[in-house]
């Protein structure tokens, strides 16, 4: 888009937004809401209260409240992985691993398939 086209599009958008603003400023609902907000902020200032204080007063279960609302669950440590031993019936090779990120295990799974290789495993304690 050329610079002049961008300028004209921006100018048109500004005109549309100004018309919308003019319509909103004539709306009685908006006037009442603005009046309410002004009175509420004045009242909050008079009593030195913040919006957070008012929300906590009116809705104690609100997510904005600082106080926890019940028992907090503590997560324990991760469960340790168990050692698996794989014995390759084709060559008798044995490997022990806690996860699937073992180089030889990956090679076996690529060659013979994951389901077959998992059948070669025994769980060690």
Protein backbone atom coordinates (compact mmCIF):
# COMPACT_ATOMS: atom_id res chain seq x y z
CA UNK A 1 0.00 0.00 0.00
CA UNK A 2 1.38 3.39 -0.91
CA UNK A 3 1.90 6.04 1.70
CA UNK A 4 -0.91 8.22 0.38
CA UNK A 5 -3.35 5.28 0.44
CA UNK A 6 -2.34 4.50 4.01
CA UNK A 7 -2.84 8.18 4.92
CA UNK A 8 -6.32 8.24 3.40
CA UNK A 9 -7.32 4.95 5.05
CA UNK A 10 -6.12 6.24 8.43
CA UNK A 11 -7.95 9.52 7.91
CA UNK A 12 -11.17 7.61 7.07
CA UNK A 13 -10.77 5.41 10.15
CA UNK A 14 -10.33 8.51 12.32
CA UNK A 15 -13.52 10.02 10.91
CA UNK A 16 -15.44 6.79 11.60
CA UNK A 17 -14.11 6.64 15.16
CA UNK A 18 -14.97 10.30 15.76
CA UNK A 19 -18.53 9.66 14.57
CA UNK A 20 -18.77 6.63 16.86
CA UNK A 21 -17.42 8.68 19.77
CA UNK A 22 -19.98 11.40 19.11
CA UNK A 23 -22.79 8.80 19.13
CA UNK A 24 -21.51 7.28 22.36
CA UNK A 25 -21.24 10.65 24.07
CA UNK A 26 -24.96 11.20 23.42
CA UNK A 27 -25.90 7.82 24.95
CA UNK A 28 -27.74 8.12 28.28
CA UNK A 29 -26.46 4.74 29.50
CA UNK A 30 -22.88 5.85 29.01
CA UNK A 31 -23.55 9.11 30.84
CA UNK A 32 -24.99 7.20 33.81
CA UNK A 33 -22.05 4.78 33.88
CA UNK A 34 -19.54 7.63 33.78
CA UNK A 35 -21.41 9.42 36.57
CA UNK A 36 -21.45 6.24 38.66
CA UNK A 37 -17.73 5.66 38.08
CA UNK A 38 -16.92 9.23 39.12
CA UNK A 39 -18.97 8.97 42.31
CA UNK A 40 -17.51 5.56 43.13
CA UNK A 41 -13.93 6.79 42.67
CA UNK A 42 -14.68 9.84 44.84
CA UNK A 43 -16.13 7.60 47.56
CA UNK A 44 -13.14 5.26 47.36
CA UNK A 45 -10.81 8.26 47.71
CA UNK A 46 -12.80 9.58 50.67
CA UNK A 47 -12.34 6.28 52.52
CA UNK A 48 -8.83 5.55 51.16
CA UNK A 49 -9.92 2.30 49.55
CA UNK A 50 -8.65 0.74 46.35
CA UNK A 51 -10.62 -1.11 43.72
CA UNK A 52 -9.15 -4.34 45.08
CA UNK A 53 -10.55 -3.52 48.54
CA UNK A 54 -14.02 -2.88 47.12
CA UNK A 55 -13.98 -6.11 45.12
CA UNK A 56 -12.82 -8.08 48.17
CA UNK A 57 -15.65 -6.52 50.17
CA UNK A 58 -18.37 -7.18 47.60
CA UNK A 59 -17.13 -10.54 46.30
CA UNK A 60 -14.88 -12.35 48.81
CA UNK A 61 -14.49 -15.32 46.46
CA UNK A 62 -13.17 -13.17 43.63
CA UNK A 63 -9.97 -14.21 41.90
CA UNK A 64 -8.55 -10.74 42.52
CA UNK A 65 -8.55 -11.21 46.28
CA UNK A 66 -5.13 -11.76 47.81
CA UNK A 67 -6.17 -14.25 50.46
CA UNK A 68 -6.20 -17.93 49.53
CA UNK A 69 -9.70 -19.42 49.47
CA UNK A 70 -9.13 -22.86 50.80
CA UNK A 71 -6.59 -25.52 51.39
CA UNK A 72 -3.64 -25.13 49.11
CA UNK A 73 -2.49 -28.36 47.54
CA UNK A 74 1.21 -28.90 47.76
CA UNK A 75 2.75 -30.95 45.06
CA UNK A 76 5.19 -33.54 46.23
CA UNK A 77 8.28 -34.55 44.45
CA UNK A 78 8.03 -36.36 41.17
CA UNK A 79 7.66 -40.09 41.28
CA UNK A 80 10.97 -41.70 40.49
CA UNK A 81 11.07 -43.72 37.31
CA UNK A 82 11.64 -47.43 37.65
CA UNK A 83 14.55 -49.13 35.98
CA UNK A 84 13.67 -51.39 33.07
CA UNK A 85 15.95 -54.08 31.75
CA UNK A 86 15.76 -55.00 28.08
CA UNK A 87 17.27 -58.24 26.79
CA UNK A 88 17.63 -58.51 23.03
CA UNK A 89 16.80 -62.14 22.06
CA UNK A 90 18.61 -61.72 18.73
CA UNK A 91 22.07 -61.06 20.16
CA UNK A 92 21.67 -61.48 23.96
CA UNK A 93 22.64 -57.86 24.64
CA UNK A 94 21.18 -56.40 27.87
CA UNK A 95 20.58 -52.73 28.65
CA UNK A 96 19.09 -51.05 31.71
CA UNK A 97 17.38 -47.66 31.48
CA UNK A 98 14.88 -45.47 33.31
CA UNK A 99 13.58 -43.77 30.19
CA UNK A 100 13.17 -44.25 26.48
CA UNK A 101 15.98 -41.88 25.53
CA UNK A 102 18.63 -44.59 25.42
CA UNK A 103 20.68 -44.74 22.22
CA UNK A 104 20.73 -48.53 21.88
CA UNK A 105 17.05 -48.81 22.86
CA UNK A 106 16.15 -46.32 20.14
CA UNK A 107 18.13 -48.33 17.60
CA UNK A 108 16.35 -51.53 18.60
CA UNK A 109 12.94 -49.87 18.37
CA UNK A 110 13.79 -48.51 14.92
CA UNK A 111 14.95 -51.94 13.75
CA UNK A 112 12.41 -54.30 15.36
CA UNK A 113 9.52 -51.97 16.31
CA UNK A 114 8.52 -50.43 19.64
CA UNK A 115 5.92 -53.05 20.59
CA UNK A 116 8.31 -55.96 20.11
CA UNK A 117 11.13 -54.26 22.01
CA UNK A 118 8.80 -53.42 24.92
CA UNK A 119 8.04 -57.12 25.10
CA UNK A 120 11.70 -57.74 25.89
CA UNK A 121 11.56 -55.58 29.04
CA UNK A 122 11.45 -56.59 32.67
CA UNK A 123 10.86 -54.15 35.51
CA UNK A 124 13.64 -53.91 38.10
CA UNK A 125 13.17 -52.45 41.58
